[in-house]
Protein backbone atom coordinates (compact mmCIF):
# COMPACT_ATOMS: atom_id res chain seq x y z
CA UNK A 1 0.00 0.00 0.00
CA UNK A 2 1.48 3.37 -0.94
CA UNK A 3 0.76 6.62 0.86
CA UNK A 4 -1.72 7.31 3.66
CA UNK A 5 -5.25 5.94 3.59
CA UNK A 6 -8.25 7.77 4.94
CA UNK A 7 -10.48 5.01 6.17
CA UNK A 8 -11.94 7.00 9.06
CA UNK A 9 -11.10 10.62 8.27
CA UNK A 10 -12.06 12.76 5.33
CA UNK A 11 -8.91 13.74 3.37
CA UNK A 12 -10.47 17.06 2.33
CA UNK A 13 -9.77 19.82 4.83
CA UNK A 14 -12.21 22.47 3.60
CA UNK A 15 -14.91 22.92 6.22
CA UNK A 16 -12.92 21.06 8.89
CA UNK A 17 -12.27 22.49 12.34
CA UNK A 18 -8.56 23.08 12.96
CA UNK A 19 -6.38 23.78 16.01
CA UNK A 20 -3.43 26.11 15.40
CA UNK A 21 -0.27 24.67 16.95
CA UNK A 22 2.33 27.28 15.90
CA UNK A 23 2.81 31.01 15.44
CA UNK A 24 1.05 34.04 16.86
CA UNK A 25 -2.36 32.33 16.61
CA UNK A 26 -1.24 29.28 18.61
CA UNK A 27 -4.08 27.64 20.55
CA UNK A 28 -6.93 29.05 18.44
CA UNK A 29 -9.67 27.06 16.70
CA UNK A 30 -11.03 27.92 13.27
CA UNK A 31 -12.58 26.52 10.11
CA UNK A 32 -10.76 25.95 6.84
CA UNK A 33 -12.78 28.09 4.43
CA UNK A 34 -10.52 27.87 1.37
CA UNK A 35 -7.83 25.49 0.18
CA UNK A 36 -4.99 27.05 -1.81
CA UNK A 37 -2.22 25.23 -3.64
CA UNK A 38 1.12 24.30 -2.03
CA UNK A 39 -0.39 23.26 1.32
CA UNK A 40 -1.70 26.73 2.18
CA UNK A 41 -5.13 27.22 3.72
CA UNK A 42 -7.37 30.19 4.56
CA UNK A 43 -8.91 29.89 8.04
CA UNK A 44 -11.71 31.97 9.56
CA UNK A 45 -14.61 31.83 12.07
CA UNK A 46 -14.28 30.25 15.51
CA UNK A 47 -11.64 32.17 17.49
CA UNK A 48 -10.82 34.26 14.39
CA UNK A 49 -14.36 35.74 14.07
CA UNK A 50 -14.48 37.47 10.65
CA UNK A 51 -10.68 37.68 10.25
CA UNK A 52 -9.22 35.49 7.49
CA UNK A 53 -5.73 34.10 8.12
CA UNK A 54 -3.50 32.00 5.85
CA UNK A 55 -1.68 28.98 7.33
CA UNK A 56 0.74 26.36 6.06
CA UNK A 57 -0.45 22.80 6.64
CA UNK A 58 2.35 22.23 9.18
CA UNK A 59 0.99 25.00 11.45
CA UNK A 60 -2.28 23.31 12.44
CA UNK A 61 -3.90 20.04 13.45
CA UNK A 62 -7.27 18.90 12.16
CA UNK A 63 -9.70 18.70 15.09
CA UNK A 64 -11.91 15.86 13.84
CA UNK A 65 -14.25 15.50 16.81
CA UNK A 66 -15.41 19.08 17.32
CA UNK A 67 -17.33 21.18 14.88
CA UNK A 68 -17.61 24.92 15.36
CA UNK A 69 -21.23 25.98 15.41
CA UNK A 70 -21.82 29.16 13.43
CA UNK A 71 -25.00 31.17 14.08
CA UNK A 72 -27.24 31.06 11.02
CA UNK A 73 -27.27 34.85 10.63
CA UNK A 74 -23.45 34.85 10.29
CA UNK A 75 -23.40 31.90 7.90
CA UNK A 76 -26.10 33.37 5.64
CA UNK A 77 -25.11 37.00 6.08
CA UNK A 78 -27.59 39.75 5.37
CA UNK A 79 -29.77 37.59 3.14
CA UNK A 80 -31.95 35.43 5.43
CA UNK A 81 -34.13 34.49 2.44
CA UNK A 82 -31.25 32.24 1.27
CA UNK A 83 -32.08 29.68 3.96
C-alpha atoms as a PDB file:
ATOM      1  CA  UNK A   1       0.000   0.000   0.000  1.00  0.00           C
ATOM      2  CA  UNK A   2       1.478   3.374  -0.942  1.00  0.00           C
ATOM      3  CA  UNK A   3       0.763   6.615   0.859  1.00  0.00           C
ATOM      4  CA  UNK A   4      -1.720   7.307   3.657  1.00  0.00           C
ATOM      5  CA  UNK A   5      -5.250   5.938   3.592  1.00  0.00           C
ATOM      6  CA  UNK A   6      -8.247   7.769   4.945  1.00  0.00           C
ATOM      7  CA  UNK A   7     -10.481   5.007   6.173  1.00  0.00           C
ATOM      8  CA  UNK A   8     -11.944   6.998   9.063  1.00  0.00           C
ATOM      9  CA  UNK A   9     -11.104  10.616   8.273  1.00  0.00           C
ATOM     10  CA  UNK A  10     -12.057  12.756   5.325  1.00  0.00           C
ATOM     11  CA  UNK A  11      -8.906  13.740   3.371  1.00  0.00           C
ATOM     12  CA  UNK A  12     -10.473  17.058   2.326  1.00  0.00           C
ATOM     13  CA  UNK A  13      -9.769  19.818   4.825  1.00  0.00           C
ATOM     14  CA  UNK A  14     -12.207  22.472   3.596  1.00  0.00           C
ATOM     15  CA  UNK A  15     -14.913  22.924   6.223  1.00  0.00           C
ATOM     16  CA  UNK A  16     -12.920  21.061   8.889  1.00  0.00           C
ATOM     17  CA  UNK A  17     -12.271  22.491  12.343  1.00  0.00           C
ATOM     18  CA  UNK A  18      -8.559  23.075  12.958  1.00  0.00           C
ATOM     19  CA  UNK A  19      -6.381  23.780  16.009  1.00  0.00           C
ATOM     20  CA  UNK A  20      -3.426  26.107  15.398  1.00  0.00           C
ATOM     21  CA  UNK A  21      -0.266  24.667  16.947  1.00  0.00           C
ATOM     22  CA  UNK A  22       2.331  27.281  15.902  1.00  0.00           C
ATOM     23  CA  UNK A  23       2.807  31.009  15.444  1.00  0.00           C
ATOM     24  CA  UNK A  24       1.053  34.041  16.863  1.00  0.00           C
ATOM     25  CA  UNK A  25      -2.361  32.332  16.612  1.00  0.00           C
ATOM     26  CA  UNK A  26      -1.241  29.284  18.611  1.00  0.00           C
ATOM     27  CA  UNK A  27      -4.083  27.645  20.554  1.00  0.00           C
ATOM     28  CA  UNK A  28      -6.935  29.050  18.441  1.00  0.00           C
ATOM     29  CA  UNK A  29      -9.675  27.064  16.705  1.00  0.00           C
ATOM     30  CA  UNK A  30     -11.029  27.924  13.274  1.00  0.00           C
ATOM     31  CA  UNK A  31     -12.577  26.525  10.109  1.00  0.00           C
ATOM     32  CA  UNK A  32     -10.764  25.954   6.839  1.00  0.00           C
ATOM     33  CA  UNK A  33     -12.780  28.085   4.433  1.00  0.00           C
ATOM     34  CA  UNK A  34     -10.522  27.872   1.371  1.00  0.00           C
ATOM     35  CA  UNK A  35      -7.827  25.490   0.178  1.00  0.00           C
ATOM     36  CA  UNK A  36      -4.990  27.053  -1.815  1.00  0.00           C
ATOM     37  CA  UNK A  37      -2.221  25.233  -3.636  1.00  0.00           C
ATOM     38  CA  UNK A  38       1.124  24.296  -2.031  1.00  0.00           C
ATOM     39  CA  UNK A  39      -0.385  23.258   1.325  1.00  0.00           C
ATOM     40  CA  UNK A  40      -1.704  26.734   2.176  1.00  0.00           C
ATOM     41  CA  UNK A  41      -5.132  27.216   3.723  1.00  0.00           C
ATOM     42  CA  UNK A  42      -7.366  30.189   4.562  1.00  0.00           C
ATOM     43  CA  UNK A  43      -8.911  29.888   8.040  1.00  0.00           C
ATOM     44  CA  UNK A  44     -11.714  31.971   9.564  1.00  0.00           C
ATOM     45  CA  UNK A  45     -14.610  31.833  12.070  1.00  0.00           C
ATOM     46  CA  UNK A  46     -14.278  30.249  15.509  1.00  0.00           C
ATOM     47  CA  UNK A  47     -11.641  32.170  17.486  1.00  0.00           C
ATOM     48  CA  UNK A  48     -10.825  34.255  14.393  1.00  0.00           C
ATOM     49  CA  UNK A  49     -14.357  35.739  14.070  1.00  0.00           C
ATOM     50  CA  UNK A  50     -14.480  37.473  10.652  1.00  0.00           C
ATOM     51  CA  UNK A  51     -10.678  37.680  10.254  1.00  0.00           C
ATOM     52  CA  UNK A  52      -9.220  35.490   7.486  1.00  0.00           C
ATOM     53  CA  UNK A  53      -5.730  34.103   8.117  1.00  0.00           C
ATOM     54  CA  UNK A  54      -3.503  32.000   5.850  1.00  0.00           C
ATOM     55  CA  UNK A  55      -1.681  28.983   7.328  1.00  0.00           C
ATOM     56  CA  UNK A  56       0.738  26.357   6.062  1.00  0.00           C
ATOM     57  CA  UNK A  57      -0.448  22.803   6.644  1.00  0.00           C
ATOM     58  CA  UNK A  58       2.351  22.231   9.182  1.00  0.00           C
ATOM     59  CA  UNK A  59       0.991  24.998  11.447  1.00  0.00           C
ATOM     60  CA  UNK A  60      -2.284  23.308  12.442  1.00  0.00           C
ATOM     61  CA  UNK A  61      -3.905  20.039  13.448  1.00  0.00           C
ATOM     62  CA  UNK A  62      -7.275  18.898  12.162  1.00  0.00           C
ATOM     63  CA  UNK A  63      -9.704  18.696  15.089  1.00  0.00           C
ATOM     64  CA  UNK A  64     -11.909  15.857  13.843  1.00  0.00           C
ATOM     65  CA  UNK A  65     -14.246  15.505  16.814  1.00  0.00           C
ATOM     66  CA  UNK A  66     -15.407  19.078  17.325  1.00  0.00           C
ATOM     67  CA  UNK A  67     -17.334  21.181  14.878  1.00  0.00           C
ATOM     68  CA  UNK A  68     -17.607  24.919  15.356  1.00  0.00           C
ATOM     69  CA  UNK A  69     -21.225  25.978  15.406  1.00  0.00           C
ATOM     70  CA  UNK A  70     -21.816  29.155  13.429  1.00  0.00           C
ATOM     71  CA  UNK A  71     -25.000  31.167  14.076  1.00  0.00           C
ATOM     72  CA  UNK A  72     -27.243  31.060  11.019  1.00  0.00           C
ATOM     73  CA  UNK A  73     -27.267  34.849  10.634  1.00  0.00           C
ATOM     74  CA  UNK A  74     -23.447  34.849  10.288  1.00  0.00           C
ATOM     75  CA  UNK A  75     -23.403  31.902   7.897  1.00  0.00           C
ATOM     76  CA  UNK A  76     -26.098  33.366   5.643  1.00  0.00           C
ATOM     77  CA  UNK A  77     -25.113  37.001   6.076  1.00  0.00           C
ATOM     78  CA  UNK A  78     -27.590  39.747   5.371  1.00  0.00           C
ATOM     79  CA  UNK A  79     -29.775  37.586   3.140  1.00  0.00           C
ATOM     80  CA  UNK A  80     -31.946  35.427   5.428  1.00  0.00           C
ATOM     81  CA  UNK A  81     -34.127  34.493   2.443  1.00  0.00           C
ATOM     82  CA  UNK A  82     -31.246  32.237   1.268  1.00  0.00           C
ATOM     83  CA  UNK A  83     -32.082  29.679   3.961  1.00  0.00           C
END
